[in-house]
C-alpha atoms as a PDB file:
ATOM      1  CA  MET A   1     109.432  68.359 101.469  1.00  0.00           C
ATOM      2  CA  LYS A   2     109.896  67.840 104.918  1.00  0.00           C
ATOM      3  CA  LEU A   3     107.799  68.596 107.643  1.00  0.00           C
ATOM      4  CA  THR A   4     108.171  68.987 111.378  1.00  0.00           C
ATOM      5  CA  PRO A   5     106.114  66.577 113.339  1.00  0.00           C
ATOM      6  CA  LYS A   6     105.201  69.435 115.975  1.00  0.00           C
ATOM      7  CA  ARG A   7     105.249  73.064 116.045  1.00  0.00           C
ATOM      8  CA  HIS A   8     106.625  75.289 118.335  1.00  0.00           C
ATOM      9  CA  ARG A   9     105.368  78.074 119.741  1.00  0.00           C
ATOM     10  CA  SER A  10     105.503  81.132 117.920  1.00  0.00           C
ATOM     11  CA  ASP A  11     107.041  83.197 120.707  1.00  0.00           C
ATOM     12  CA  SER A  12     109.827  80.574 121.160  1.00  0.00           C
ATOM     13  CA  ALA A  13     113.501  80.346 120.236  1.00  0.00           C
ATOM     14  CA  LYS A  14     112.910  77.539 118.705  1.00  0.00           C
ATOM     15  CA  ALA A  15     110.715  79.037 116.373  1.00  0.00           C
ATOM     16  CA  ALA A  16     112.644  81.970 115.656  1.00  0.00           C
ATOM     17  CA  VAL A  17     115.267  79.728 114.371  1.00  0.00           C
ATOM     18  CA  ALA A  18     113.156  78.098 112.439  1.00  0.00           C
ATOM     19  CA  ALA A  19     111.638  81.248 110.747  1.00  0.00           C
ATOM     20  CA  THR A  20     115.058  82.454 109.895  1.00  0.00           C
ATOM     21  CA  GLN A  21     116.020  79.053 108.145  1.00  0.00           C
ATOM     22  CA  ALA A  22     113.126  79.044 106.571  1.00  0.00           C
ATOM     23  CA  ALA A  23     113.319  82.533 105.176  1.00  0.00           C
ATOM     24  CA  ALA A  24     116.669  81.671 104.084  1.00  0.00           C
ATOM     25  CA  LEU A  25     115.483  78.790 101.558  1.00  0.00           C
ATOM     26  CA  PRO A  26     113.934  79.731  97.869  1.00  0.00           C
ATOM     27  CA  PRO A  27     109.749  79.330  97.885  1.00  0.00           C
ATOM     28  CA  LEU A  28     108.711  75.493  98.054  1.00  0.00           C
ATOM     29  CA  SER A  29     108.435  74.103  95.037  1.00  0.00           C
ATOM     30  CA  PRO A  30     104.917  72.803  93.579  1.00  0.00           C
ATOM     31  CA  PRO A  31     103.963  69.235  94.159  1.00  0.00           C
ATOM     32  CA  ALA A  32     105.267  66.894  91.213  1.00  0.00           C
ATOM     33  CA  HIS A  33     101.951  66.066  89.831  1.00  0.00           C
ATOM     34  CA  VAL A  34     100.822  69.654  90.097  1.00  0.00           C
ATOM     35  CA  THR A  35     101.814  71.726  86.642  1.00  0.00           C
ATOM     36  CA  LEU A  36     102.752  75.779  86.812  1.00  0.00           C
ATOM     37  CA  ARG A  37     103.062  78.410  83.812  1.00  0.00           C
ATOM     38  CA  PRO A  38     105.925  80.658  83.687  1.00  0.00           C
ATOM     39  CA  GLN A  39     103.194  83.451  84.480  1.00  0.00           C
ATOM     40  CA  ASP A  40     101.540  81.701  87.497  1.00  0.00           C
ATOM     41  CA  ARG A  41     105.301  81.556  89.488  1.00  0.00           C
ATOM     42  CA  PRO A  42     105.148  85.088  90.835  1.00  0.00           C
ATOM     43  CA  PHE A  43     101.891  84.353  91.862  1.00  0.00           C
ATOM     44  CA  TRP A  44     103.264  80.681  93.601  1.00  0.00           C
ATOM     45  CA  ALA A  45     105.673  82.234  95.071  1.00  0.00           C
ATOM     46  CA  ALA A  46     103.741  85.001  96.859  1.00  0.00           C
ATOM     47  CA  ILE A  47     101.195  82.430  97.779  1.00  0.00           C
ATOM     48  CA  VAL A  48     103.344  79.895  99.584  1.00  0.00           C
ATOM     49  CA  THR A  49     105.701  82.514 101.487  1.00  0.00           C
ATOM     50  CA  ALA A  50     102.196  84.220 103.147  1.00  0.00           C
ATOM     51  CA  ARG A  51     102.409  81.349 105.333  1.00  0.00           C
ATOM     52  CA  PRO A  52     105.366  79.524 107.607  1.00  0.00           C
ATOM     53  CA  ARG A  53     106.813  77.134 105.504  1.00  0.00           C
ATOM     54  CA  ASP A  54     106.778  74.226 107.787  1.00  0.00           C
ATOM     55  CA  THR A  55     102.432  74.413 107.855  1.00  0.00           C
ATOM     56  CA  TRP A  56     101.936  73.656 103.885  1.00  0.00           C
ATOM     57  CA  ASN A  57     101.044  69.925 102.876  1.00  0.00           C
ATOM     58  CA  GLU A  58     100.488  68.338  99.798  1.00  0.00           C
ATOM     59  CA  VAL A  59      96.857  69.240  99.482  1.00  0.00           C
ATOM     60  CA  ASP A  60      97.163  72.638 100.262  1.00  0.00           C
ATOM     61  CA  LEU A  61     100.228  72.964  98.139  1.00  0.00           C
ATOM     62  CA  ALA A  62      98.009  71.810  94.856  1.00  0.00           C
ATOM     63  CA  SER A  63      95.563  74.279  96.246  1.00  0.00           C
ATOM     64  CA  ALA A  64      98.032  76.854  96.453  1.00  0.00           C
ATOM     65  CA  ALA A  65      98.792  75.979  92.339  1.00  0.00           C
ATOM     66  CA  ASN A  66      95.211  76.463  91.469  1.00  0.00           C
ATOM     67  CA  LEU A  67      95.001  79.852  93.254  1.00  0.00           C
ATOM     68  CA  ALA A  68      98.508  81.159  91.527  1.00  0.00           C
ATOM     69  CA  ARG A  69      97.009  79.906  88.035  1.00  0.00           C
ATOM     70  CA  CYS A  70      93.622  81.440  89.121  1.00  0.00           C
ATOM     71  CA  GLN A  71      95.770  85.124  89.671  1.00  0.00           C
ATOM     72  CA  ALA A  72      97.340  84.804  86.769  1.00  0.00           C
ATOM     73  CA  ASP A  73      94.617  84.023  84.870  1.00  0.00           C
ATOM     74  CA  ILE A  74      92.771  87.146  86.342  1.00  0.00           C
ATOM     75  CA  GLU A  75      95.472  89.367  85.333  1.00  0.00           C
ATOM     76  CA  ALA A  76      95.124  88.284  81.492  1.00  0.00           C
ATOM     77  CA  LEU A  77      91.626  88.614  81.683  1.00  0.00           C
ATOM     78  CA  GLN A  78      91.799  92.120  83.298  1.00  0.00           C
ATOM     79  CA  ALA A  79      94.058  93.094  80.266  1.00  0.00           C
ATOM     80  CA  GLN A  80      91.678  92.119  77.646  1.00  0.00           C
ATOM     81  CA  ILE A  81      89.132  93.713  79.148  1.00  0.00           C
ATOM     82  CA  ASP A  82      91.254  96.931  79.776  1.00  0.00           C
ATOM     83  CA  GLU A  83      92.122  96.475  75.856  1.00  0.00           C
ATOM     84  CA  ALA A  84      88.754  95.560  74.300  1.00  0.00           C
ATOM     85  CA  GLY A  85      86.561  97.761  77.086  1.00  0.00           C
ATOM     86  CA  PHE A  86      83.585  96.519  79.139  1.00  0.00           C
ATOM     87  CA  VAL A  87      81.159  96.732  76.601  1.00  0.00           C
ATOM     88  CA  ILE A  88      81.764  95.101  72.980  1.00  0.00           C
ATOM     89  CA  ASP A  89      79.096  96.076  70.183  1.00  0.00           C
ATOM     90  CA  GLY A  90      76.531  96.881  72.650  1.00  0.00           C
ATOM     91  CA  LYS A  91      76.970  93.813  75.066  1.00  0.00           C
ATOM     92  CA  VAL A  92      78.738  93.443  78.056  1.00  0.00           C
ATOM     93  CA  ASN A  93      82.191  91.779  77.500  1.00  0.00           C
ATOM     94  CA  PRO A  94      82.060  87.927  78.179  1.00  0.00           C
ATOM     95  CA  ALA A  95      85.581  88.525  79.828  1.00  0.00           C
ATOM     96  CA  CYS A  96      84.000  90.628  82.634  1.00  0.00           C
ATOM     97  CA  GLU A  97      81.578  87.575  83.817  1.00  0.00           C
ATOM     98  CA  LEU A  98      84.496  85.117  83.916  1.00  0.00           C
ATOM     99  CA  LEU A  99      86.617  87.753  85.406  1.00  0.00           C
ATOM    100  CA  GLU A 100      84.037  88.064  88.234  1.00  0.00           C
ATOM    101  CA  LYS A 101      83.557  83.987  88.604  1.00  0.00           C
ATOM    102  CA  MET A 102      87.797  83.710  88.779  1.00  0.00           C
ATOM    103  CA  SER A 103      87.568  86.238  91.475  1.00  0.00           C
ATOM    104  CA  ARG A 104      84.901  84.315  93.459  1.00  0.00           C
ATOM    105  CA  ARG A 105      87.311  81.063  92.940  1.00  0.00           C
ATOM    106  CA  ALA A 106      90.507  82.974  94.136  1.00  0.00           C
ATOM    107  CA  LEU A 107      88.697  84.273  97.497  1.00  0.00           C
ATOM    108  CA  ALA A 108      87.434  80.714  97.674  1.00  0.00           C
ATOM    109  CA  LEU A 109      90.836  79.516  97.563  1.00  0.00           C
ATOM    110  CA  THR A 110      92.566  81.961  99.643  1.00  0.00           C
ATOM    111  CA  ARG A 111      90.196  81.011 102.411  1.00  0.00           C
ATOM    112  CA  ALA A 112      90.872  77.317 101.953  1.00  0.00           C
ATOM    113  CA  ILE A 113      94.692  77.746 102.100  1.00  0.00           C
ATOM    114  CA  ALA A 114      94.603  80.579 105.027  1.00  0.00           C
ATOM    115  CA  VAL A 115      96.333  82.797 103.168  1.00  0.00           C
ATOM    116  CA  ASN A 116      93.736  85.570 103.598  1.00  0.00           C
ATOM    117  CA  THR A 117      94.620  88.550 105.717  1.00  0.00           C
ATOM    118  CA  VAL A 118      93.385  87.495 109.023  1.00  0.00           C
ATOM    119  CA  ALA A 119      95.356  83.871 108.933  1.00  0.00           C
ATOM    120  CA  THR A 120      98.581  85.950 107.661  1.00  0.00           C
ATOM    121  CA  VAL A 121      98.511  89.536 109.176  1.00  0.00           C
ATOM    122  CA  GLY A 122      95.561  89.158 111.866  1.00  0.00           C
ATOM    123  CA  ARG A 123      92.947  91.090 113.127  1.00  0.00           C
ATOM    124  CA  SER A 124      91.681  94.170 111.555  1.00  0.00           C
ATOM    125  CA  ALA A 125      92.071  95.692 114.832  1.00  0.00           C
ATOM    126  CA  ASP A 126      95.672  94.835 114.745  1.00  0.00           C
ATOM    127  CA  ILE A 127      96.115  95.901 111.540  1.00  0.00           C
ATOM    128  CA  VAL A 128      94.731  99.237 112.140  1.00  0.00           C
ATOM    129  CA  LYS A 129      97.037  99.515 115.399  1.00  0.00           C
ATOM    130  CA  GLY A 130     100.047  98.610 113.002  1.00  0.00           C
ATOM    131  CA  ALA A 131      99.114 100.788 109.866  1.00  0.00           C
ATOM    132  CA  GLU A 132      98.757 103.687 112.579  1.00  0.00           C
ATOM    133  CA  LEU A 133     102.241 102.840 114.384  1.00  0.00           C
ATOM    134  CA  GLU A 134     103.936 103.001 110.229  1.00  0.00           C
ATOM    135  CA  ARG A 135     101.802 106.247 109.505  1.00  0.00           C
ATOM    136  CA  GLN A 136     103.580 107.899 112.616  1.00  0.00           C
ATOM    137  CA  ALA A 137     106.987 106.844 111.537  1.00  0.00           C
ATOM    138  CA  ARG A 138     107.125 107.851 108.303  1.00  0.00           C
ATOM    139  CA  ALA A 139     105.674 111.455 109.767  1.00  0.00           C
ATOM    140  CA  ASP A 140     108.272 111.200 112.108  1.00  0.00           C
ATOM    141  CA  MET A 141     111.203 110.548 109.348  1.00  0.00           C
ATOM    142  CA  GLN A 142     113.950 113.587 108.457  1.00  0.00           C
ATOM    143  CA  ASP A 143     114.144 114.930 105.205  1.00  0.00           C
ATOM    144  CA  ASP A 144     117.131 112.708 104.027  1.00  0.00           C
ATOM    145  CA  GLY A 145     114.644 109.713 104.102  1.00  0.00           C
ATOM    146  CA  LEU A 146     117.480 106.905 104.077  1.00  0.00           C
ATOM    147  CA  ILE A 147     118.170 106.585 108.402  1.00  0.00           C
ATOM    148  CA  PRO A 148     114.567 106.530 110.401  1.00  0.00           C
ATOM    149  CA  THR A 149     114.945 108.768 113.363  1.00  0.00           C
ATOM    150  CA  LEU A 150     114.506 106.913 116.968  1.00  0.00           C
ATOM    151  CA  ARG A 151     111.661 108.050 118.636  1.00  0.00           C
ATOM    152  CA  ALA A 152     109.848 106.816 121.736  1.00  0.00           C
ATOM    153  CA  VAL A 153     107.122 103.794 121.269  1.00  0.00           C
ATOM    154  CA  LYS A 154     104.460 104.235 123.307  1.00  0.00           C
END
């Protein structure tokens, strides 16, 4: 993995070219010393594409692999709970406690490698503005739903 020595301003032409080139590449691979299971791979791809490609280092990628494994395990635990129920023989299903621990771990890893909402999307005020624009665009769509209509943007 080759990292660029200097990051360009996000609003520069160089940054736009680098982003376009990075988007055309497959997701990053985990470090050679890290093993991912097949069920971890969809989570891995989502995690490593949440940040610009040139911001990842080996330590972050190892943590991203831990997060991918953790998220896959959360899905497996949730499936077990869905099948067996929250209560088994009058006691809380032990998988529920493990699910809670794994959820906390996932949240901590998400923050540690900066793929949380604030790091990837921005402040909540910006998200609200973007959501309102999207709702308005949906409201302005014509019946065919294929081609959005043009409208004035405020």
